[in-house]
Amino acid sequence: MVLNFFDQFASPTLFGVPLMALALTLPWVLLPSPTTRWLNNRLLTLQAQFINRFTQQLLLPLNMGGHKWALLFTSLMIFLISLNMLGLLPYTFTPTTQLSLNLGFAVPLWLATVIIGMRNQPTHALGHLLPEGTPTLLIPILIIIETISLLIRPLALGVRLTANLTAGHLLIQLIATAAFVLLPLMPTIAILTSTLLFLLTLLEVAVAMIQAYVFVLLLSLYLQENV
């Protein structure tokens, strides 16, 4: 049997039925449900403080028109963090390592920001394609370059999230395999490798949260240009 490190990124199936929908539904089941109690427990209070702080920081540079996106951005942030963190558990599948899923998040939201800019202020939106004071000879070239950079934004969003999570999972599997192989041969080296694996796991927890934040932050910056 040949060990394939990329098998962990294959979409799981049961009796030929893809389980991607189940993997996407699980994070919402884990969220605490609303309650009618006057006082919340520590978990709900901590979650509310985190959401309020995140929303304030995210919407600070946006005008009142962009505040309508607060619920969408906050929900997307919590959803991505839940998917990324649950994917670090053993024998689990990380949906956000699939480029198709990340592009499914990035393309519609990016396209919505572009459509809003074209509808509300088309002159200002099209003005981003040509910087002020551009020499006449460079105008066609710069318009092509800026158009390409605009169209590549959703691809960059999806690839960034996919690449960071995939690289982290591969490193964890490689180091874990090395520690397992070295344990009967060189126990001291295996212990050091296991320590490195523990530190890398902590780093991946941070990466899982940071990448979700960066994904939503870049979407808010794209929205800021169009509102």
Protein backbone atom coordinates (compact mmCIF):
# COMPACT_ATOMS: atom_id res chain seq x y z
CA MET A 1 0.00 0.00 0.00
CA VAL A 2 1.47 3.32 -1.07
CA LEU A 3 0.91 6.21 1.34
CA ASN A 4 -0.63 9.21 -0.42
CA PHE A 5 -0.52 12.40 1.61
CA PHE A 6 -3.20 14.01 -0.56
CA ASP A 7 -5.87 11.41 0.26
CA GLN A 8 -6.91 13.52 3.25
CA PHE A 9 -8.10 16.26 0.86
CA ALA A 10 -10.43 13.97 -1.11
CA SER A 11 -14.11 14.67 -0.52
CA PRO A 12 -15.52 11.86 1.67
CA THR A 13 -18.34 9.71 0.35
CA LEU A 14 -20.73 7.18 1.90
CA PHE A 15 -22.30 4.63 -0.45
CA GLY A 16 -21.30 6.87 -3.33
CA VAL A 17 -23.00 9.94 -1.83
CA PRO A 18 -20.67 12.95 -1.19
CA LEU A 19 -20.62 14.08 2.43
CA MET A 20 -19.62 17.67 1.64
CA ALA A 21 -23.10 18.94 2.61
CA LEU A 22 -22.83 17.21 6.01
CA ALA A 23 -19.37 18.72 6.58
CA LEU A 24 -20.75 22.18 5.80
CA THR A 25 -23.76 21.71 8.10
CA LEU A 26 -21.87 20.53 11.19
CA PRO A 27 -20.45 23.95 12.26
CA TRP A 28 -23.94 25.45 12.48
CA VAL A 29 -25.08 22.59 14.73
CA LEU A 30 -22.27 23.34 17.19
CA LEU A 31 -23.22 27.01 17.60
CA PRO A 32 -25.23 27.80 20.75
CA SER A 33 -28.91 28.40 20.12
CA PRO A 34 -30.63 31.65 21.21
CA THR A 35 -32.05 31.69 24.70
CA THR A 36 -34.67 33.74 26.55
CA ARG A 37 -32.64 33.91 29.75
CA TRP A 38 -31.70 37.33 31.07
CA LEU A 39 -28.13 36.32 31.82
CA ASN A 40 -25.99 34.26 29.45
CA ASN A 41 -23.28 31.82 30.44
CA ARG A 42 -19.58 32.55 30.02
CA LEU A 43 -19.37 30.95 26.56
CA LEU A 44 -22.20 33.05 25.11
CA THR A 45 -20.85 36.21 26.72
CA LEU A 46 -17.38 35.59 25.32
CA GLN A 47 -18.80 34.85 21.88
CA ALA A 48 -20.90 38.03 21.92
CA GLN A 49 -17.89 40.15 22.92
CA PHE A 50 -15.81 38.60 20.14
CA ILE A 51 -18.52 39.22 17.52
CA ASN A 52 -19.04 42.82 18.64
CA ARG A 53 -15.31 43.57 18.62
CA PHE A 54 -14.82 41.94 15.24
CA THR A 55 -17.78 43.79 13.70
CA GLN A 56 -16.53 47.14 14.99
CA GLN A 57 -13.05 46.61 13.58
CA LEU A 58 -14.36 45.32 10.25
CA LEU A 59 -16.92 48.07 9.62
CA LEU A 60 -14.81 50.96 10.94
CA PRO A 61 -13.56 52.14 7.49
CA LEU A 62 -16.96 51.61 5.82
CA ASN A 63 -19.72 54.19 5.49
CA MET A 64 -23.31 53.56 6.53
CA GLY A 65 -24.12 51.85 3.23
CA GLY A 66 -21.53 49.17 3.91
CA HIS A 67 -22.93 48.43 7.38
CA LYS A 68 -25.71 46.39 5.75
CA TRP A 69 -23.08 43.70 5.14
CA ALA A 70 -22.29 43.32 8.86
CA LEU A 71 -24.44 40.21 9.38
CA LEU A 72 -23.14 38.53 6.22
CA PHE A 73 -19.47 39.20 7.02
CA THR A 74 -19.78 38.14 10.66
CA SER A 75 -21.61 34.93 9.75
CA LEU A 76 -19.04 34.11 7.08
CA MET A 77 -16.20 34.76 9.51
CA ILE A 78 -17.62 32.44 12.19
CA PHE A 79 -18.45 29.80 9.56
CA LEU A 80 -14.93 29.77 8.10
CA ILE A 81 -13.30 29.69 11.53
CA SER A 82 -15.50 26.74 12.53
CA LEU A 83 -14.67 24.82 9.34
CA ASN A 84 -10.94 25.50 9.65
CA MET A 85 -10.78 24.59 13.35
CA LEU A 86 -12.85 21.41 13.01
CA GLY A 87 -10.57 20.33 10.17
CA LEU A 88 -7.64 20.15 12.61
CA LEU A 89 -9.30 17.35 14.58
CA PRO A 90 -8.18 13.78 13.78
CA TYR A 91 -10.13 11.82 11.18
CA THR A 92 -12.01 14.88 9.97
CA PHE A 93 -12.38 16.52 6.58
CA THR A 94 -11.66 20.22 5.96
CA PRO A 95 -14.03 21.57 3.28
CA THR A 96 -12.02 24.81 2.96
CA THR A 97 -9.10 22.88 1.46
CA GLN A 98 -11.26 22.53 -1.67
CA LEU A 99 -10.61 25.33 -4.16
CA SER A 100 -14.08 24.93 -5.65
CA LEU A 101 -15.75 25.67 -2.31
CA ASN A 102 -13.56 28.71 -1.59
CA LEU A 103 -14.22 30.08 -5.07
CA GLY A 104 -17.91 29.49 -4.42
CA PHE A 105 -17.60 31.84 -1.44
CA ALA A 106 -15.29 34.37 -3.09
CA VAL A 107 -16.75 34.86 -6.58
CA PRO A 108 -20.39 35.73 -5.67
CA LEU A 109 -19.38 38.09 -2.85
CA TRP A 110 -16.71 39.82 -4.96
CA LEU A 111 -19.15 40.09 -7.87
CA ALA A 112 -21.75 41.62 -5.54
CA THR A 113 -19.31 44.36 -4.48
CA VAL A 114 -18.50 45.11 -8.14
CA ILE A 115 -22.18 45.25 -9.12
CA ILE A 116 -22.93 47.59 -6.20
CA GLY A 117 -20.12 49.91 -7.31
CA MET A 118 -21.27 49.89 -10.94
CA ARG A 119 -24.86 50.59 -9.93
CA ASN A 120 -24.34 53.27 -7.27
CA GLN A 121 -21.28 55.15 -8.60
CA PRO A 122 -20.21 53.85 -12.02
CA THR A 123 -17.80 56.74 -12.70
CA HIS A 124 -15.92 56.18 -9.45
CA ALA A 125 -15.89 52.38 -9.93
CA LEU A 126 -14.50 52.65 -13.46
CA GLY A 127 -12.02 55.28 -12.28
CA HIS A 128 -10.10 52.57 -10.39
CA LEU A 129 -9.08 51.11 -13.76
CA LEU A 130 -7.08 54.23 -14.66
CA PRO A 131 -4.94 56.01 -12.02
CA GLU A 132 -4.94 59.78 -12.12
CA GLY A 133 -2.08 61.43 -14.01
CA THR A 134 -1.31 58.44 -16.22
CA PRO A 135 0.66 59.30 -19.40
CA THR A 136 -1.36 58.98 -22.60
CA LEU A 137 0.80 56.21 -24.05
CA LEU A 138 0.34 54.04 -20.94
CA ILE A 139 -3.45 54.38 -20.72
CA PRO A 140 -4.36 51.23 -22.76
CA ILE A 141 -1.75 49.12 -20.99
CA LEU A 142 -2.78 50.26 -17.51
CA ILE A 143 -6.47 49.68 -18.24
CA ILE A 144 -5.69 46.09 -19.27
CA ILE A 145 -3.48 45.54 -16.20
CA GLU A 146 -6.04 47.00 -13.77
CA THR A 147 -8.84 44.98 -15.37
CA ILE A 148 -6.84 41.77 -14.97
CA SER A 149 -6.02 42.64 -11.35
CA LEU A 150 -9.72 43.26 -10.71
CA LEU A 151 -10.80 39.97 -12.25
CA ILE A 152 -8.11 37.97 -10.44
CA ARG A 153 -9.26 39.09 -6.96
CA PRO A 154 -11.72 36.23 -6.31
CA LEU A 155 -9.17 33.71 -7.56
CA ALA A 156 -6.58 35.14 -5.18
CA LEU A 157 -9.05 34.92 -2.29
CA GLY A 158 -9.82 31.28 -2.95
CA VAL A 159 -6.25 30.20 -3.68
CA ARG A 160 -4.89 31.96 -0.57
CA LEU A 161 -7.27 30.16 1.77
CA THR A 162 -6.82 26.81 0.03
CA ALA A 163 -3.02 26.98 -0.16
CA ASN A 164 -2.49 27.99 3.46
CA LEU A 165 -4.73 25.28 4.88
CA THR A 166 -3.44 22.59 2.51
CA ALA A 167 0.18 23.39 3.30
CA GLY A 168 -0.48 23.29 7.03
CA HIS A 169 -2.25 19.93 6.88
CA LEU A 170 0.53 18.45 4.75
CA LEU A 171 3.21 19.64 7.19
CA ILE A 172 1.33 18.17 10.14
CA GLN A 173 0.95 14.82 8.39
CA LEU A 174 4.60 14.75 7.28
CA ILE A 175 5.96 15.53 10.75
CA ALA A 176 3.52 13.12 12.42
CA THR A 177 4.60 10.34 10.05
CA ALA A 178 8.26 11.11 10.75
CA ALA A 179 7.70 11.00 14.52
CA PHE A 180 5.87 7.67 14.24
CA VAL A 181 8.66 6.12 12.13
CA LEU A 182 11.48 7.47 14.34
CA LEU A 183 9.92 6.38 17.64
CA PRO A 184 11.30 2.78 17.69
CA LEU A 185 14.60 3.79 16.04
CA MET A 186 15.58 7.06 17.72
CA PRO A 187 13.28 7.89 20.64
CA THR A 188 15.04 11.17 21.47
CA ILE A 189 14.67 12.49 17.94
CA ALA A 190 11.06 11.26 17.92
CA ILE A 191 10.31 13.24 21.10
CA LEU A 192 11.83 16.37 19.59
CA THR A 193 9.82 15.80 16.44
CA SER A 194 6.66 15.39 18.50
CA THR A 195 7.41 18.68 20.25
CA LEU A 196 7.78 20.33 16.85
CA LEU A 197 4.48 18.75 15.83
CA PHE A 198 2.75 20.22 18.90
CA LEU A 199 4.10 23.70 18.15
CA LEU A 200 3.09 23.38 14.50
CA THR A 201 -0.42 22.39 15.57
CA LEU A 202 -0.67 25.56 17.67
CA LEU A 203 0.52 27.53 14.67
CA GLU A 204 -2.11 25.91 12.48
CA VAL A 205 -4.81 26.87 14.98
CA ALA A 206 -3.68 30.48 14.62
CA VAL A 207 -3.52 30.15 10.83
CA ALA A 208 -7.05 28.73 10.74
CA MET A 209 -8.38 31.82 12.51
CA ILE A 210 -6.18 34.35 10.72
CA GLN A 211 -7.00 33.06 7.23
CA ALA A 212 -10.73 33.29 7.92
CA TYR A 213 -10.24 36.86 9.15
CA VAL A 214 -8.11 37.79 6.12
CA PHE A 215 -10.73 36.35 3.75
CA VAL A 216 -13.50 38.51 5.23
CA LEU A 217 -11.21 41.54 5.66
CA LEU A 218 -10.27 41.57 1.97
CA LEU A 219 -13.94 41.32 1.02
CA SER A 220 -14.67 44.33 3.21
CA LEU A 221 -11.85 46.26 1.51
CA TYR A 222 -13.32 45.41 -1.90
CA LEU A 223 -16.67 46.64 -0.62
CA GLN A 224 -15.09 49.84 0.68
CA GLU A 225 -13.97 50.72 -2.84
CA ASN A 226 -17.52 50.46 -4.17
CA VAL A 227 -19.73 52.07 -1.53
